[in-house]
Amino acid sequence: MFEHLCFFKCKPETGHEQIEHIKSQFLRLKGIIPGLIEVSFGINITKETQFANGYHMGLRMLFESQQAVEAYLIHPEHVKVSDYVFSCIQEVSVCDFTV
């Protein structure tokens, strides 16, 4: 299995409604994207603010394999979500690893 993590910094003008839309769009991908097993998304509520590096929200996806992640990245439904996300964020960090 393969874990895909993303951490997002919002643009200053990004509001709660846009964040909720991002969340709903990522969550709906389960069942659409082949090999996508689990999806979770949330607002960063850490008390360890010295380590948050300005990230507002996080995404966790569990895939069957690295190949499934690679297929996800170019899947038309992910591309649509990604286009919207990039209109709302100023930065993203990604971490992938096998589990």
PDB file of N, CA and C in Angstrom:
ATOM      1  N   MET A   1       0.839  -1.173   0.000  1.00  0.00           N
ATOM      2  CA  MET A   1       0.000   0.000   0.000  1.00  0.00           C
ATOM      3  C   MET A   1       0.887   1.239   0.000  1.00  0.00           C
ATOM      4  N   PHE A   2       0.276   2.351  -0.369  1.00  0.00           N
ATOM      5  CA  PHE A   2       1.037   3.570  -0.592  1.00  0.00           C
ATOM      6  C   PHE A   2       0.271   4.757  -0.017  1.00  0.00           C
ATOM      7  N   GLU A   3       0.926   5.509   0.834  1.00  0.00           N
ATOM      8  CA  GLU A   3       0.336   6.677   1.495  1.00  0.00           C
ATOM      9  C   GLU A   3       0.736   7.938   0.730  1.00  0.00           C
ATOM     10  N   HIS A   4      -0.240   8.809   0.509  1.00  0.00           N
ATOM     11  CA  HIS A   4      -0.036  10.082  -0.199  1.00  0.00           C
ATOM     12  C   HIS A   4      -0.541  11.193   0.717  1.00  0.00           C
ATOM     13  N   LEU A   5       0.369  12.055   1.178  1.00  0.00           N
ATOM     14  CA  LEU A   5       0.027  13.151   2.086  1.00  0.00           C
ATOM     15  C   LEU A   5       0.281  14.487   1.398  1.00  0.00           C
ATOM     16  N   CYS A   6      -0.644  15.427   1.602  1.00  0.00           N
ATOM     17  CA  CYS A   6      -0.479  16.784   1.080  1.00  0.00           C
ATOM     18  C   CYS A   6      -0.808  17.768   2.187  1.00  0.00           C
ATOM     19  N   PHE A   7      -0.050  18.850   2.251  1.00  0.00           N
ATOM     20  CA  PHE A   7      -0.291  19.926   3.207  1.00  0.00           C
ATOM     21  C   PHE A   7      -0.405  21.222   2.415  1.00  0.00           C
ATOM     22  N   PHE A   8      -1.452  22.004   2.690  1.00  0.00           N
ATOM     23  CA  PHE A   8      -1.789  23.171   1.888  1.00  0.00           C
ATOM     24  C   PHE A   8      -1.737  24.455   2.704  1.00  0.00           C
ATOM     25  N   LYS A   9      -1.157  25.501   2.102  1.00  0.00           N
ATOM     26  CA  LYS A   9      -1.229  26.864   2.634  1.00  0.00           C
ATOM     27  C   LYS A   9      -2.217  27.620   1.762  1.00  0.00           C
ATOM     28  N   CYS A  10      -3.241  28.156   2.390  1.00  0.00           N
ATOM     29  CA  CYS A  10      -4.270  28.897   1.662  1.00  0.00           C
ATOM     30  C   CYS A  10      -3.793  30.296   1.295  1.00  0.00           C
ATOM     31  N   LYS A  11      -4.369  30.824   0.231  1.00  0.00           N
ATOM     32  CA  LYS A  11      -4.206  32.240  -0.079  1.00  0.00           C
ATOM     33  C   LYS A  11      -4.967  33.026   0.985  1.00  0.00           C
ATOM     34  N   PRO A  12      -4.553  34.251   1.286  1.00  0.00           N
ATOM     35  CA  PRO A  12      -5.234  35.035   2.319  1.00  0.00           C
ATOM     36  C   PRO A  12      -6.733  35.199   2.071  1.00  0.00           C
ATOM     37  N   GLU A  13      -7.136  35.254   0.820  1.00  0.00           N
ATOM     38  CA  GLU A  13      -8.542  35.482   0.496  1.00  0.00           C
ATOM     39  C   GLU A  13      -9.396  34.201   0.471  1.00  0.00           C
ATOM     40  N   THR A  14      -8.776  33.050   0.680  1.00  0.00           N
ATOM     41  CA  THR A  14      -9.522  31.790   0.674  1.00  0.00           C
ATOM     42  C   THR A  14     -10.357  31.676   1.941  1.00  0.00           C
ATOM     43  N   GLY A  15     -11.657  31.459   1.757  1.00  0.00           N
ATOM     44  CA  GLY A  15     -12.580  31.408   2.881  1.00  0.00           C
ATOM     45  C   GLY A  15     -13.032  29.997   3.225  1.00  0.00           C
ATOM     46  N   HIS A  16     -13.824  29.919   4.281  1.00  0.00           N
ATOM     47  CA  HIS A  16     -14.331  28.643   4.790  1.00  0.00           C
ATOM     48  C   HIS A  16     -15.120  27.873   3.725  1.00  0.00           C
ATOM     49  N   GLU A  17     -15.922  28.574   2.949  1.00  0.00           N
ATOM     50  CA  GLU A  17     -16.732  27.925   1.915  1.00  0.00           C
ATOM     51  C   GLU A  17     -15.852  27.249   0.869  1.00  0.00           C
ATOM     52  N   GLN A  18     -14.781  27.904   0.478  1.00  0.00           N
ATOM     53  CA  GLN A  18     -13.870  27.319  -0.505  1.00  0.00           C
ATOM     54  C   GLN A  18     -13.159  26.091   0.082  1.00  0.00           C
ATOM     55  N   ILE A  19     -12.757  26.180   1.339  1.00  0.00           N
ATOM     56  CA  ILE A  19     -12.097  25.039   1.989  1.00  0.00           C
ATOM     57  C   ILE A  19     -13.051  23.855   2.074  1.00  0.00           C
ATOM     58  N   GLU A  20     -14.308  24.094   2.412  1.00  0.00           N
ATOM     59  CA  GLU A  20     -15.301  23.014   2.466  1.00  0.00           C
ATOM     60  C   GLU A  20     -15.512  22.392   1.092  1.00  0.00           C
ATOM     61  N   HIS A  21     -15.460  23.213   0.061  1.00  0.00           N
ATOM     62  CA  HIS A  21     -15.590  22.688  -1.305  1.00  0.00           C
ATOM     63  C   HIS A  21     -14.388  21.806  -1.657  1.00  0.00           C
ATOM     64  N   ILE A  22     -13.204  22.245  -1.299  1.00  0.00           N
ATOM     65  CA  ILE A  22     -12.007  21.439  -1.531  1.00  0.00           C
ATOM     66  C   ILE A  22     -12.161  20.089  -0.831  1.00  0.00           C
ATOM     67  N   LYS A  23     -12.565  20.128   0.416  1.00  0.00           N
ATOM     68  CA  LYS A  23     -12.752  18.902   1.189  1.00  0.00           C
ATOM     69  C   LYS A  23     -13.733  17.963   0.497  1.00  0.00           C
ATOM     70  N   SER A  24     -14.886  18.471   0.125  1.00  0.00           N
ATOM     71  CA  SER A  24     -15.902  17.616  -0.496  1.00  0.00           C
ATOM     72  C   SER A  24     -15.414  17.037  -1.822  1.00  0.00           C
ATOM     73  N   GLN A  25     -14.638  17.808  -2.559  1.00  0.00           N
ATOM     74  CA  GLN A  25     -14.147  17.326  -3.848  1.00  0.00           C
ATOM     75  C   GLN A  25     -13.113  16.209  -3.680  1.00  0.00           C
ATOM     76  N   PHE A  26     -12.237  16.341  -2.695  1.00  0.00           N
ATOM     77  CA  PHE A  26     -11.284  15.254  -2.447  1.00  0.00           C
ATOM     78  C   PHE A  26     -12.000  14.003  -1.930  1.00  0.00           C
ATOM     79  N   LEU A  27     -12.932  14.171  -1.017  1.00  0.00           N
ATOM     80  CA  LEU A  27     -13.623  13.016  -0.444  1.00  0.00           C
ATOM     81  C   LEU A  27     -14.421  12.250  -1.490  1.00  0.00           C
ATOM     82  N   ARG A  28     -14.970  12.937  -2.472  1.00  0.00           N
ATOM     83  CA  ARG A  28     -15.775  12.259  -3.490  1.00  0.00           C
ATOM     84  C   ARG A  28     -14.935  11.401  -4.438  1.00  0.00           C
ATOM     85  N   LEU A  29     -13.625  11.598  -4.438  1.00  0.00           N
ATOM     86  CA  LEU A  29     -12.765  10.829  -5.340  1.00  0.00           C
ATOM     87  C   LEU A  29     -12.698   9.343  -4.974  1.00  0.00           C
ATOM     88  N   LYS A  30     -12.949   9.023  -3.697  1.00  0.00           N
ATOM     89  CA  LYS A  30     -12.995   7.614  -3.309  1.00  0.00           C
ATOM     90  C   LYS A  30     -14.201   6.987  -4.005  1.00  0.00           C
ATOM     91  N   GLY A  31     -13.969   5.912  -4.697  1.00  0.00           N
ATOM     92  CA  GLY A  31     -15.029   5.286  -5.483  1.00  0.00           C
ATOM     93  C   GLY A  31     -14.992   5.690  -6.942  1.00  0.00           C
ATOM     94  N   ILE A  32     -14.278   6.757  -7.247  1.00  0.00           N
ATOM     95  CA  ILE A  32     -14.115   7.208  -8.638  1.00  0.00           C
ATOM     96  C   ILE A  32     -12.727   6.845  -9.156  1.00  0.00           C
ATOM     97  N   ILE A  33     -11.721   7.029  -8.308  1.00  0.00           N
ATOM     98  CA  ILE A  33     -10.327   6.789  -8.697  1.00  0.00           C
ATOM     99  C   ILE A  33      -9.971   5.326  -8.412  1.00  0.00           C
ATOM    100  N   PRO A  34      -9.602   4.562  -9.426  1.00  0.00           N
ATOM    101  CA  PRO A  34      -9.208   3.168  -9.192  1.00  0.00           C
ATOM    102  C   PRO A  34      -7.995   3.088  -8.262  1.00  0.00           C
ATOM    103  N   GLY A  35      -8.052   2.173  -7.307  1.00  0.00           N
ATOM    104  CA  GLY A  35      -6.942   1.949  -6.402  1.00  0.00           C
ATOM    105  C   GLY A  35      -6.898   2.862  -5.197  1.00  0.00           C
ATOM    106  N   LEU A  36      -7.820   3.813  -5.099  1.00  0.00           N
ATOM    107  CA  LEU A  36      -7.885   4.719  -3.952  1.00  0.00           C
ATOM    108  C   LEU A  36      -8.734   4.059  -2.867  1.00  0.00           C
ATOM    109  N   ILE A  37      -8.106   3.764  -1.729  1.00  0.00           N
ATOM    110  CA  ILE A  37      -8.753   3.004  -0.662  1.00  0.00           C
ATOM    111  C   ILE A  37      -9.374   3.908   0.398  1.00  0.00           C
ATOM    112  N   GLU A  38      -8.645   4.935   0.833  1.00  0.00           N
ATOM    113  CA  GLU A  38      -9.110   5.818   1.903  1.00  0.00           C
ATOM    114  C   GLU A  38      -8.748   7.262   1.575  1.00  0.00           C
ATOM    115  N   VAL A  39      -9.600   8.187   2.046  1.00  0.00           N
ATOM    116  CA  VAL A  39      -9.338   9.621   1.915  1.00  0.00           C
ATOM    117  C   VAL A  39      -9.739  10.291   3.218  1.00  0.00           C
ATOM    118  N   SER A  40      -8.869  11.136   3.741  1.00  0.00           N
ATOM    119  CA  SER A  40      -9.240  11.993   4.865  1.00  0.00           C
ATOM    120  C   SER A  40      -8.657  13.380   4.617  1.00  0.00           C
ATOM    121  N   PHE A  41      -9.376  14.384   5.111  1.00  0.00           N
ATOM    122  CA  PHE A  41      -9.013  15.784   4.869  1.00  0.00           C
ATOM    123  C   PHE A  41      -9.419  16.576   6.095  1.00  0.00           C
ATOM    124  N   GLY A  42      -8.592  17.532   6.505  1.00  0.00           N
ATOM    125  CA  GLY A  42      -8.971  18.333   7.655  1.00  0.00           C
ATOM    126  C   GLY A  42      -8.185  19.623   7.759  1.00  0.00           C
ATOM    127  N   ILE A  43      -8.722  20.489   8.609  1.00  0.00           N
ATOM    128  CA  ILE A  43      -8.078  21.758   8.942  1.00  0.00           C
ATOM    129  C   ILE A  43      -7.004  21.482   9.989  1.00  0.00           C
ATOM    130  N   ASN A  44      -5.869  22.138   9.848  1.00  0.00           N
ATOM    131  CA  ASN A  44      -4.763  21.959  10.787  1.00  0.00           C
ATOM    132  C   ASN A  44      -5.121  22.593  12.137  1.00  0.00           C
ATOM    133  N   ILE A  45      -5.197  21.768  13.172  1.00  0.00           N
ATOM    134  CA  ILE A  45      -5.540  22.254  14.517  1.00  0.00           C
ATOM    135  C   ILE A  45      -4.418  21.968  15.520  1.00  0.00           C
ATOM    136  N   THR A  46      -3.218  21.724  15.013  1.00  0.00           N
ATOM    137  CA  THR A  46      -2.114  21.381  15.896  1.00  0.00           C
ATOM    138  C   THR A  46      -1.840  22.488  16.910  1.00  0.00           C
ATOM    139  N   LYS A  47      -1.460  22.069  18.102  1.00  0.00           N
ATOM    140  CA  LYS A  47      -0.994  23.014  19.123  1.00  0.00           C
ATOM    141  C   LYS A  47       0.511  23.225  18.991  1.00  0.00           C
ATOM    142  N   GLU A  48       1.147  22.419  18.149  1.00  0.00           N
ATOM    143  CA  GLU A  48       2.580  22.552  17.884  1.00  0.00           C
ATOM    144  C   GLU A  48       2.800  23.561  16.754  1.00  0.00           C
ATOM    145  N   THR A  49       2.341  24.769  16.974  1.00  0.00           N
ATOM    146  CA  THR A  49       2.364  25.780  15.923  1.00  0.00           C
ATOM    147  C   THR A  49       3.773  26.093  15.418  1.00  0.00           C
ATOM    148  N   GLN A  50       4.763  25.855  16.247  1.00  0.00           N
ATOM    149  CA  GLN A  50       6.140  26.105  15.809  1.00  0.00           C
ATOM    150  C   GLN A  50       6.555  25.166  14.677  1.00  0.00           C
ATOM    151  N   PHE A  51       5.787  24.064  14.467  1.00  0.00           N
ATOM    152  CA  PHE A  51       6.098  23.107  13.409  1.00  0.00           C
ATOM    153  C   PHE A  51       5.084  23.129  12.263  1.00  0.00           C
ATOM    154  N   ALA A  52       4.076  23.953  12.345  1.00  0.00           N
ATOM    155  CA  ALA A  52       3.005  23.965  11.341  1.00  0.00           C
ATOM    156  C   ALA A  52       3.451  24.591  10.016  1.00  0.00           C
ATOM    157  N   ASN A  53       4.452  25.450  10.059  1.00  0.00           N
ATOM    158  CA  ASN A  53       4.997  26.084   8.856  1.00  0.00           C
ATOM    159  C   ASN A  53       3.942  26.775   8.005  1.00  0.00           C
ATOM    160  N   GLY A  54       2.875  27.234   8.636  1.00  0.00           N
ATOM    161  CA  GLY A  54       1.843  27.984   7.928  1.00  0.00           C
ATOM    162  C   GLY A  54       0.828  27.155   7.168  1.00  0.00           C
ATOM    163  N   TYR A  55       0.898  25.834   7.294  1.00  0.00           N
ATOM    164  CA  TYR A  55      -0.050  24.982   6.569  1.00  0.00           C
ATOM    165  C   TYR A  55      -1.413  24.999   7.258  1.00  0.00           C
ATOM    166  N   HIS A  56      -2.451  25.224   6.471  1.00  0.00           N
ATOM    167  CA  HIS A  56      -3.814  25.362   6.981  1.00  0.00           C
ATOM    168  C   HIS A  56      -4.603  24.060   6.982  1.00  0.00           C
ATOM    169  N   MET A  57      -4.301  23.158   6.051  1.00  0.00           N
ATOM    170  CA  MET A  57      -5.091  21.935   5.928  1.00  0.00           C
ATOM    171  C   MET A  57      -4.233  20.804   5.383  1.00  0.00           C
ATOM    172  N   GLY A  58      -4.718  19.585   5.633  1.00  0.00           N
ATOM    173  CA  GLY A  58      -3.989  18.405   5.204  1.00  0.00           C
ATOM    174  C   GLY A  58      -4.901  17.391   4.540  1.00  0.00           C
ATOM    175  N   LEU A  59      -4.303  16.601   3.659  1.00  0.00           N
ATOM    176  CA  LEU A  59      -4.985  15.547   2.922  1.00  0.00           C
ATOM    177  C   LEU A  59      -4.182  14.265   3.070  1.00  0.00           C
ATOM    178  N   ARG A  60      -4.892  13.167   3.359  1.00  0.00           N
ATOM    179  CA  ARG A  60      -4.269  11.850   3.435  1.00  0.00           C
ATOM    180  C   ARG A  60      -5.035  10.902   2.538  1.00  0.00           C
ATOM    181  N   MET A  61      -4.297  10.211   1.667  1.00  0.00           N
ATOM    182  CA  MET A  61      -4.919   9.219   0.787  1.00  0.00           C
ATOM    183  C   MET A  61      -4.119   7.928   0.869  1.00  0.00           C
ATOM    184  N   LEU A  62      -4.834   6.828   0.920  1.00  0.00           N
ATOM    185  CA  LEU A  62      -4.208   5.514   0.923  1.00  0.00           C
ATOM    186  C   LEU A  62      -4.555   4.834  -0.389  1.00  0.00           C
ATOM    187  N   PHE A  63      -3.523   4.410  -1.107  1.00  0.00           N
ATOM    188  CA  PHE A  63      -3.681   3.759  -2.407  1.00  0.00           C
ATOM    189  C   PHE A  63      -3.182   2.320  -2.346  1.00  0.00           C
ATOM    190  N   GLU A  64      -3.650   1.517  -3.275  1.00  0.00           N
ATOM    191  CA  GLU A  64      -3.215   0.122  -3.375  1.00  0.00           C
ATOM    192  C   GLU A  64      -1.731   0.010  -3.709  1.00  0.00           C
ATOM    193  N   SER A  65      -1.228   0.978  -4.487  1.00  0.00           N
ATOM    194  CA  SER A  65       0.155   0.884  -4.969  1.00  0.00           C
ATOM    195  C   SER A  65       0.648   2.255  -5.420  1.00  0.00           C
ATOM    196  N   GLN A  66       1.929   2.345  -5.651  1.00  0.00           N
ATOM    197  CA  GLN A  66       2.501   3.569  -6.197  1.00  0.00           C
ATOM    198  C   GLN A  66       1.965   3.820  -7.605  1.00  0.00           C
ATOM    199  N   GLN A  67       1.745   2.761  -8.358  1.00  0.00           N
ATOM    200  CA  GLN A  67       1.195   2.909  -9.702  1.00  0.00           C
ATOM    201  C   GLN A  67      -0.208   3.519  -9.657  1.00  0.00           C
ATOM    202  N   ALA A  68      -0.995   3.181  -8.624  1.00  0.00           N
ATOM    203  CA  ALA A  68      -2.331   3.768  -8.475  1.00  0.00           C
ATOM    204  C   ALA A  68      -2.234   5.267  -8.210  1.00  0.00           C
ATOM    205  N   VAL A  69      -1.228   5.687  -7.430  1.00  0.00           N
ATOM    206  CA  VAL A  69      -1.026   7.125  -7.198  1.00  0.00           C
ATOM    207  C   VAL A  69      -0.663   7.815  -8.504  1.00  0.00           C
ATOM    208  N   GLU A  70       0.217   7.216  -9.253  1.00  0.00           N
ATOM    209  CA  GLU A  70       0.635   7.805 -10.522  1.00  0.00           C
ATOM    210  C   GLU A  70      -0.542   7.945 -11.485  1.00  0.00           C
ATOM    211  N   ALA A  71      -1.435   6.952 -11.509  1.00  0.00           N
ATOM    212  CA  ALA A  71      -2.630   7.031 -12.351  1.00  0.00           C
ATOM    213  C   ALA A  71      -3.588   8.102 -11.829  1.00  0.00           C
ATOM    214  N   TYR A  72      -3.689   8.216 -10.517  1.00  0.00           N
ATOM    215  CA  TYR A  72      -4.543   9.240  -9.883  1.00  0.00           C
ATOM    216  C   TYR A  72      -4.110  10.645 -10.294  1.00  0.00           C
ATOM    217  N   LEU A  73      -2.812  10.890 -10.312  1.00  0.00           N
ATOM    218  CA  LEU A  73      -2.306  12.232 -10.593  1.00  0.00           C
ATOM    219  C   LEU A  73      -2.746  12.757 -11.954  1.00  0.00           C
ATOM    220  N   ILE A  74      -2.952  11.863 -12.920  1.00  0.00           N
ATOM    221  CA  ILE A  74      -3.352  12.295 -14.266  1.00  0.00           C
ATOM    222  C   ILE A  74      -4.824  11.993 -14.565  1.00  0.00           C
ATOM    223  N   HIS A  75      -5.533  11.411 -13.597  1.00  0.00           N
ATOM    224  CA  HIS A  75      -6.951  11.109 -13.799  1.00  0.00           C
ATOM    225  C   HIS A  75      -7.726  12.420 -13.982  1.00  0.00           C
ATOM    226  N   PRO A  76      -8.641  12.481 -14.958  1.00  0.00           N
ATOM    227  CA  PRO A  76      -9.373  13.737 -15.223  1.00  0.00           C
ATOM    228  C   PRO A  76     -10.114  14.295 -14.004  1.00  0.00           C
ATOM    229  N   GLU A  77     -10.652  13.442 -13.149  1.00  0.00           N
ATOM    230  CA  GLU A  77     -11.358  13.939 -11.962  1.00  0.00           C
ATOM    231  C   GLU A  77     -10.399  14.582 -10.964  1.00  0.00           C
ATOM    232  N   HIS A  78      -9.191  14.019 -10.824  1.00  0.00           N
ATOM    233  CA  HIS A  78      -8.197  14.642  -9.953  1.00  0.00           C
ATOM    234  C   HIS A  78      -7.726  15.957 -10.551  1.00  0.00           C
ATOM    235  N   VAL A  79      -7.541  15.995 -11.846  1.00  0.00           N
ATOM    236  CA  VAL A  79      -7.084  17.222 -12.504  1.00  0.00           C
ATOM    237  C   VAL A  79      -8.086  18.351 -12.260  1.00  0.00           C
ATOM    238  N   LYS A  80      -9.389  18.056 -12.325  1.00  0.00           N
ATOM    239  CA  LYS A  80     -10.412  19.076 -12.046  1.00  0.00           C
ATOM    240  C   LYS A  80     -10.304  19.589 -10.614  1.00  0.00           C
ATOM    241  N   VAL A  81     -10.161  18.662  -9.662  1.00  0.00           N
ATOM    242  CA  VAL A  81     -10.022  19.061  -8.260  1.00  0.00           C
ATOM    243  C   VAL A  81      -8.753  19.888  -8.082  1.00  0.00           C
ATOM    244  N   SER A  82      -7.671  19.418  -8.649  1.00  0.00           N
ATOM    245  CA  SER A  82      -6.388  20.094  -8.521  1.00  0.00           C
ATOM    246  C   SER A  82      -6.436  21.523  -9.067  1.00  0.00           C
ATOM    247  N   ASP A  83      -7.100  21.707 -10.204  1.00  0.00           N
ATOM    248  CA  ASP A  83      -7.220  23.057 -10.773  1.00  0.00           C
ATOM    249  C   ASP A  83      -7.912  23.995  -9.788  1.00  0.00           C
ATOM    250  N   TYR A  84      -8.979  23.520  -9.151  1.00  0.00           N
ATOM    251  CA  TYR A  84      -9.687  24.351  -8.182  1.00  0.00           C
ATOM    252  C   TYR A  84      -8.802  24.618  -6.960  1.00  0.00           C
ATOM    253  N   VAL A  85      -8.158  23.568  -6.455  1.00  0.00           N
ATOM    254  CA  VAL A  85      -7.303  23.714  -5.271  1.00  0.00           C
ATOM    255  C   VAL A  85      -6.229  24.772  -5.516  1.00  0.00           C
ATOM    256  N   PHE A  86      -5.580  24.710  -6.665  1.00  0.00           N
ATOM    257  CA  PHE A  86      -4.507  25.658  -6.937  1.00  0.00           C
ATOM    258  C   PHE A  86      -5.013  27.088  -7.112  1.00  0.00           C
ATOM    259  N   SER A  87      -6.312  27.268  -7.319  1.00  0.00           N
ATOM    260  CA  SER A  87      -6.854  28.632  -7.349  1.00  0.00           C
ATOM    261  C   SER A  87      -7.050  29.180  -5.931  1.00  0.00           C
ATOM    262  N   CYS A  88      -6.987  28.304  -4.917  1.00  0.00           N
ATOM    263  CA  CYS A  88      -7.250  28.680  -3.526  1.00  0.00           C
ATOM    264  C   CYS A  88      -6.019  28.646  -2.624  1.00  0.00           C
ATOM    265  N   ILE A  89      -4.945  28.031  -3.084  1.00  0.00           N
ATOM    266  CA  ILE A  89      -3.774  27.877  -2.226  1.00  0.00           C
ATOM    267  C   ILE A  89      -2.583  28.625  -2.794  1.00  0.00           C
ATOM    268  N   GLN A  90      -1.618  28.858  -1.900  1.00  0.00           N
ATOM    269  CA  GLN A  90      -0.375  29.482  -2.354  1.00  0.00           C
ATOM    270  C   GLN A  90       0.793  28.516  -2.319  1.00  0.00           C
ATOM    271  N   GLU A  91       0.619  27.396  -1.608  1.00  0.00           N
ATOM    272  CA  GLU A  91       1.721  26.431  -1.505  1.00  0.00           C
ATOM    273  C   GLU A  91       1.184  25.063  -1.101  1.00  0.00           C
ATOM    274  N   VAL A  92       1.864  24.020  -1.575  1.00  0.00           N
ATOM    275  CA  VAL A  92       1.540  22.647  -1.183  1.00  0.00           C
ATOM    276  C   VAL A  92       2.848  21.886  -0.976  1.00  0.00           C
ATOM    277  N   SER A  93       2.848  21.003   0.010  1.00  0.00           N
ATOM    278  CA  SER A  93       3.940  20.059   0.215  1.00  0.00           C
ATOM    279  C   SER A  93       3.350  18.661   0.136  1.00  0.00           C
ATOM    280  N   VAL A  94       4.110  17.747  -0.451  1.00  0.00           N
ATOM    281  CA  VAL A  94       3.645  16.375  -0.647  1.00  0.00           C
ATOM    282  C   VAL A  94       4.657  15.416  -0.066  1.00  0.00           C
ATOM    283  N   CYS A  95       4.158  14.331   0.529  1.00  0.00           N
ATOM    284  CA  CYS A  95       5.005  13.266   1.038  1.00  0.00           C
ATOM    285  C   CYS A  95       4.328  11.942   0.693  1.00  0.00           C
ATOM    286  N   ASP A  96       5.029  11.070  -0.003  1.00  0.00           N
ATOM    287  CA  ASP A  96       4.527   9.744  -0.357  1.00  0.00           C
ATOM    288  C   ASP A  96       5.442   8.693   0.249  1.00  0.00           C
ATOM    289  N   PHE A  97       4.842   7.604   0.736  1.00  0.00           N
ATOM    290  CA  PHE A  97       5.650   6.504   1.258  1.00  0.00           C
ATOM    291  C   PHE A  97       4.855   5.207   1.246  1.00  0.00           C
ATOM    292  N   THR A  98       5.556   4.108   1.269  1.00  0.00           N
ATOM    293  CA  THR A  98       4.902   2.795   1.314  1.00  0.00           C
ATOM    294  C   THR A  98       4.570   2.461   2.763  1.00  0.00           C
ATOM    295  N   VAL A  99       3.467   1.714   2.943  1.00  0.00           N
ATOM    296  CA  VAL A  99       3.053   1.265   4.265  1.00  0.00           C
ATOM    297  C   VAL A  99       2.825  -0.233   4.246  1.00  0.00           C
TER     298      VAL A  99
END
